[in-house]
Amino acid sequence: MTRSRSVIALRNTAIRAADALGPAVLLRGMDGIADWRPPQQRPYVAQGERR
């Protein structure tokens, strides 16, 4: 653990910045996973095609 005031101040600033940006920034990386939907089946089968 450090006792340097400048390192502690930098750490505290980083924690405050992460808190201010909050979940919006962290969860943005999960958009592709959270928005995933299974492929939809086609409503009909074209002639000569099997399901």
PDB file of N, CA and C in Angstrom:
ATOM      1  N   MET A   1       0.844  -1.178   0.000  1.00  0.00           N
ATOM      2  CA  MET A   1       0.000   0.000   0.000  1.00  0.00           C
ATOM      3  C   MET A   1       0.888   1.239   0.000  1.00  0.00           C
ATOM      4  N   THR A   2       0.460   2.243  -0.714  1.00  0.00           N
ATOM      5  CA  THR A   2       1.275   3.449  -0.831  1.00  0.00           C
ATOM      6  C   THR A   2       0.846   4.519   0.168  1.00  0.00           C
ATOM      7  N   ARG A   3       1.795   5.338   0.513  1.00  0.00           N
ATOM      8  CA  ARG A   3       1.502   6.445   1.426  1.00  0.00           C
ATOM      9  C   ARG A   3       1.734   7.784   0.726  1.00  0.00           C
ATOM     10  N   SER A   4       2.072   7.731  -0.536  1.00  0.00           N
ATOM     11  CA  SER A   4       2.341   8.949  -1.299  1.00  0.00           C
ATOM     12  C   SER A   4       1.036   9.714  -1.529  1.00  0.00           C
ATOM     13  N   ARG A   5       1.029  10.963  -1.148  1.00  0.00           N
ATOM     14  CA  ARG A   5      -0.195  11.769  -1.293  1.00  0.00           C
ATOM     15  C   ARG A   5      -0.610  11.921  -2.751  1.00  0.00           C
ATOM     16  N   SER A   6       0.360  12.059  -3.652  1.00  0.00           N
ATOM     17  CA  SER A   6       0.011  12.237  -5.065  1.00  0.00           C
ATOM     18  C   SER A   6      -0.616  10.966  -5.647  1.00  0.00           C
ATOM     19  N   VAL A   7      -0.116   9.806  -5.261  1.00  0.00           N
ATOM     20  CA  VAL A   7      -0.673   8.544  -5.747  1.00  0.00           C
ATOM     21  C   VAL A   7      -2.067   8.332  -5.176  1.00  0.00           C
ATOM     22  N   ILE A   8      -2.239   8.659  -3.906  1.00  0.00           N
ATOM     23  CA  ILE A   8      -3.556   8.529  -3.269  1.00  0.00           C
ATOM     24  C   ILE A   8      -4.555   9.477  -3.923  1.00  0.00           C
ATOM     25  N   ALA A   9      -4.130  10.710  -4.207  1.00  0.00           N
ATOM     26  CA  ALA A   9      -5.010  11.678  -4.864  1.00  0.00           C
ATOM     27  C   ALA A   9      -5.389  11.200  -6.269  1.00  0.00           C
ATOM     28  N   LEU A  10      -4.417  10.649  -6.986  1.00  0.00           N
ATOM     29  CA  LEU A  10      -4.694  10.121  -8.331  1.00  0.00           C
ATOM     30  C   LEU A  10      -5.674   8.960  -8.267  1.00  0.00           C
ATOM     31  N   ARG A  11      -5.467   8.059  -7.313  1.00  0.00           N
ATOM     32  CA  ARG A  11      -6.382   6.929  -7.130  1.00  0.00           C
ATOM     33  C   ARG A  11      -7.795   7.408  -6.815  1.00  0.00           C
ATOM     34  N   ASN A  12      -7.914   8.349  -5.894  1.00  0.00           N
ATOM     35  CA  ASN A  12      -9.229   8.862  -5.515  1.00  0.00           C
ATOM     36  C   ASN A  12      -9.920   9.570  -6.683  1.00  0.00           C
ATOM     37  N   THR A  13      -9.151  10.299  -7.472  1.00  0.00           N
ATOM     38  CA  THR A  13      -9.718  10.959  -8.651  1.00  0.00           C
ATOM     39  C   THR A  13     -10.215   9.929  -9.658  1.00  0.00           C
ATOM     40  N   ALA A  14      -9.448   8.870  -9.862  1.00  0.00           N
ATOM     41  CA  ALA A  14      -9.860   7.810 -10.794  1.00  0.00           C
ATOM     42  C   ALA A  14     -11.138   7.132 -10.307  1.00  0.00           C
ATOM     43  N   ILE A  15     -11.242   6.906  -9.012  1.00  0.00           N
ATOM     44  CA  ILE A  15     -12.441   6.271  -8.462  1.00  0.00           C
ATOM     45  C   ILE A  15     -13.650   7.193  -8.630  1.00  0.00           C
ATOM     46  N   ARG A  16     -13.475   8.489  -8.370  1.00  0.00           N
ATOM     47  CA  ARG A  16     -14.583   9.446  -8.549  1.00  0.00           C
ATOM     48  C   ARG A  16     -15.014   9.527 -10.016  1.00  0.00           C
ATOM     49  N   ALA A  17     -14.035   9.519 -10.933  1.00  0.00           N
ATOM     50  CA  ALA A  17     -14.358   9.586 -12.363  1.00  0.00           C
ATOM     51  C   ALA A  17     -15.131   8.343 -12.791  1.00  0.00           C
ATOM     52  N   ALA A  18     -14.704   7.174 -12.336  1.00  0.00           N
ATOM     53  CA  ALA A  18     -15.407   5.932 -12.673  1.00  0.00           C
ATOM     54  C   ALA A  18     -16.822   5.951 -12.115  1.00  0.00           C
ATOM     55  N   ASP A  19     -16.986   6.506 -10.917  1.00  0.00           N
ATOM     56  CA  ASP A  19     -18.308   6.600 -10.304  1.00  0.00           C
ATOM     57  C   ASP A  19     -19.197   7.573 -11.069  1.00  0.00           C
ATOM     58  N   ALA A  20     -18.608   8.679 -11.527  1.00  0.00           N
ATOM     59  CA  ALA A  20     -19.391   9.682 -12.265  1.00  0.00           C
ATOM     60  C   ALA A  20     -19.849   9.132 -13.619  1.00  0.00           C
ATOM     61  N   LEU A  21     -18.968   8.396 -14.287  1.00  0.00           N
ATOM     62  CA  LEU A  21     -19.319   7.824 -15.587  1.00  0.00           C
ATOM     63  C   LEU A  21     -20.266   6.649 -15.397  1.00  0.00           C
ATOM     64  N   GLY A  22     -20.046   5.952 -14.323  1.00  0.00           N
ATOM     65  CA  GLY A  22     -20.950   4.921 -13.860  1.00  0.00           C
ATOM     66  C   GLY A  22     -21.251   3.791 -14.804  1.00  0.00           C
ATOM     67  N   PRO A  23     -22.394   3.181 -14.555  1.00  0.00           N
ATOM     68  CA  PRO A  23     -22.783   1.979 -15.280  1.00  0.00           C
ATOM     69  C   PRO A  23     -22.945   2.195 -16.778  1.00  0.00           C
ATOM     70  N   ALA A  24     -23.258   3.412 -17.187  1.00  0.00           N
ATOM     71  CA  ALA A  24     -23.474   3.651 -18.616  1.00  0.00           C
ATOM     72  C   ALA A  24     -22.252   3.248 -19.431  1.00  0.00           C
ATOM     73  N   VAL A  25     -21.083   3.619 -18.978  1.00  0.00           N
ATOM     74  CA  VAL A  25     -19.863   3.300 -19.714  1.00  0.00           C
ATOM     75  C   VAL A  25     -19.526   1.818 -19.577  1.00  0.00           C
ATOM     76  N   LEU A  26     -19.663   1.295 -18.389  1.00  0.00           N
ATOM     77  CA  LEU A  26     -19.310  -0.108 -18.173  1.00  0.00           C
ATOM     78  C   LEU A  26     -20.260  -1.050 -18.896  1.00  0.00           C
ATOM     79  N   LEU A  27     -21.525  -0.726 -18.910  1.00  0.00           N
ATOM     80  CA  LEU A  27     -22.504  -1.616 -19.534  1.00  0.00           C
ATOM     81  C   LEU A  27     -22.557  -1.466 -21.049  1.00  0.00           C
ATOM     82  N   ARG A  28     -22.031  -0.369 -21.579  1.00  0.00           N
ATOM     83  CA  ARG A  28     -22.037  -0.161 -23.029  1.00  0.00           C
ATOM     84  C   ARG A  28     -21.293  -1.286 -23.735  1.00  0.00           C
ATOM     85  N   GLY A  29     -20.285  -1.820 -23.104  1.00  0.00           N
ATOM     86  CA  GLY A  29     -19.527  -2.919 -23.690  1.00  0.00           C
ATOM     87  C   GLY A  29     -20.318  -4.208 -23.782  1.00  0.00           C
ATOM     88  N   MET A  30     -21.406  -4.292 -23.067  1.00  0.00           N
ATOM     89  CA  MET A  30     -22.225  -5.509 -23.073  1.00  0.00           C
ATOM     90  C   MET A  30     -23.447  -5.386 -23.986  1.00  0.00           C
ATOM     91  N   ASP A  31     -23.563  -4.277 -24.712  1.00  0.00           N
ATOM     92  CA  ASP A  31     -24.734  -4.066 -25.565  1.00  0.00           C
ATOM     93  C   ASP A  31     -24.937  -5.198 -26.566  1.00  0.00           C
ATOM     94  N   GLY A  32     -23.883  -5.659 -27.180  1.00  0.00           N
ATOM     95  CA  GLY A  32     -24.004  -6.720 -28.169  1.00  0.00           C
ATOM     96  C   GLY A  32     -24.529  -8.014 -27.569  1.00  0.00           C
ATOM     97  N   ILE A  33     -24.195  -8.269 -26.333  1.00  0.00           N
ATOM     98  CA  ILE A  33     -24.658  -9.477 -25.662  1.00  0.00           C
ATOM     99  C   ILE A  33     -26.090  -9.300 -25.171  1.00  0.00           C
ATOM    100  N   ALA A  34     -26.365  -8.164 -24.566  1.00  0.00           N
ATOM    101  CA  ALA A  34     -27.684  -7.931 -23.973  1.00  0.00           C
ATOM    102  C   ALA A  34     -28.776  -7.770 -25.036  1.00  0.00           C
ATOM    103  N   ASP A  35     -28.413  -7.299 -26.225  1.00  0.00           N
ATOM    104  CA  ASP A  35     -29.406  -7.075 -27.280  1.00  0.00           C
ATOM    105  C   ASP A  35     -29.577  -8.275 -28.202  1.00  0.00           C
ATOM    106  N   TRP A  36     -28.853  -9.365 -27.950  1.00  0.00           N
ATOM    107  CA  TRP A  36     -28.903 -10.517 -28.839  1.00  0.00           C
ATOM    108  C   TRP A  36     -30.283 -11.156 -28.820  1.00  0.00           C
ATOM    109  N   ARG A  37     -30.759 -11.503 -29.982  1.00  0.00           N
ATOM    110  CA  ARG A  37     -32.019 -12.233 -30.130  1.00  0.00           C
ATOM    111  C   ARG A  37     -31.746 -13.448 -31.009  1.00  0.00           C
ATOM    112  N   PRO A  38     -32.382 -14.571 -30.722  1.00  0.00           N
ATOM    113  CA  PRO A  38     -32.157 -15.751 -31.572  1.00  0.00           C
ATOM    114  C   PRO A  38     -32.676 -15.489 -32.988  1.00  0.00           C
ATOM    115  N   PRO A  39     -32.068 -16.128 -33.975  1.00  0.00           N
ATOM    116  CA  PRO A  39     -32.527 -15.942 -35.352  1.00  0.00           C
ATOM    117  C   PRO A  39     -33.985 -16.382 -35.494  1.00  0.00           C
ATOM    118  N   GLN A  40     -34.727 -15.641 -36.283  1.00  0.00           N
ATOM    119  CA  GLN A  40     -36.135 -15.965 -36.509  1.00  0.00           C
ATOM    120  C   GLN A  40     -36.252 -16.997 -37.622  1.00  0.00           C
ATOM    121  N   GLN A  41     -37.182 -17.916 -37.454  1.00  0.00           N
ATOM    122  CA  GLN A  41     -37.432 -18.886 -38.514  1.00  0.00           C
ATOM    123  C   GLN A  41     -38.179 -18.183 -39.641  1.00  0.00           C
ATOM    124  N   ARG A  42     -37.905 -18.653 -40.838  1.00  0.00           N
ATOM    125  CA  ARG A  42     -38.627 -18.082 -41.975  1.00  0.00           C
ATOM    126  C   ARG A  42     -40.071 -18.573 -41.938  1.00  0.00           C
ATOM    127  N   PRO A  43     -41.012 -17.728 -42.279  1.00  0.00           N
ATOM    128  CA  PRO A  43     -42.423 -18.108 -42.184  1.00  0.00           C
ATOM    129  C   PRO A  43     -42.849 -19.152 -43.222  1.00  0.00           C
ATOM    130  N   TYR A  44     -42.075 -19.330 -44.273  1.00  0.00           N
ATOM    131  CA  TYR A  44     -42.449 -20.303 -45.303  1.00  0.00           C
ATOM    132  C   TYR A  44     -41.183 -20.923 -45.872  1.00  0.00           C
ATOM    133  N   VAL A  45     -41.367 -21.991 -46.602  1.00  0.00           N
ATOM    134  CA  VAL A  45     -40.248 -22.683 -47.233  1.00  0.00           C
ATOM    135  C   VAL A  45     -40.402 -22.526 -48.734  1.00  0.00           C
ATOM    136  N   ALA A  46     -39.334 -22.120 -49.395  1.00  0.00           N
ATOM    137  CA  ALA A  46     -39.361 -21.946 -50.857  1.00  0.00           C
ATOM    138  C   ALA A  46     -39.455 -23.317 -51.517  1.00  0.00           C
ATOM    139  N   GLN A  47     -39.944 -23.337 -52.738  1.00  0.00           N
ATOM    140  CA  GLN A  47     -40.078 -24.588 -53.469  1.00  0.00           C
ATOM    141  C   GLN A  47     -38.739 -25.296 -53.588  1.00  0.00           C
ATOM    142  N   GLY A  48     -38.753 -26.598 -53.355  1.00  0.00           N
ATOM    143  CA  GLY A  48     -37.554 -27.402 -53.481  1.00  0.00           C
ATOM    144  C   GLY A  48     -36.617 -27.293 -52.275  1.00  0.00           C
ATOM    145  N   GLU A  49     -37.030 -26.568 -51.281  1.00  0.00           N
ATOM    146  CA  GLU A  49     -36.191 -26.371 -50.107  1.00  0.00           C
ATOM    147  C   GLU A  49     -36.772 -27.154 -48.929  1.00  0.00           C
ATOM    148  N   ARG A  50     -35.916 -27.687 -48.099  1.00  0.00           N
ATOM    149  CA  ARG A  50     -36.389 -28.418 -46.922  1.00  0.00           C
ATOM    150  C   ARG A  50     -36.192 -27.562 -45.690  1.00  0.00           C
ATOM    151  N   ARG A  51     -36.998 -27.837 -44.710  1.00  0.00           N
ATOM    152  CA  ARG A  51     -36.845 -27.158 -43.423  1.00  0.00           C
ATOM    153  C   ARG A  51     -35.904 -27.863 -42.546  1.00  0.00           C
TER     154      ARG A  51
END
